[in-house]
Amino acid sequence: MMIHQVSKHYKIRYNDVNGCSREDNVYALDAMEAQCLAMEFNDELMRRPHCITAILLGPD
């Protein structure tokens, strides 16, 4: 029996080094995976994960 998990759309909001609000979009199984993916694909978030201000479940 194979179980398929559906990815959801997440918006990752963060402040860049200048204090400007930015947003990345990822598809993940949950918010924790969304954070990890955003950090993996965004060097700024990898260096400064504390800059993440919100992880929001977006519309599908």
Foldseek 3Di string as FASTA:
>chain_A
DDDDQFWFKKKWWFAAPVRDIDIDIDTGRDQVVVLVVVLVVDVRCVVPVVRTDDIGGDDD
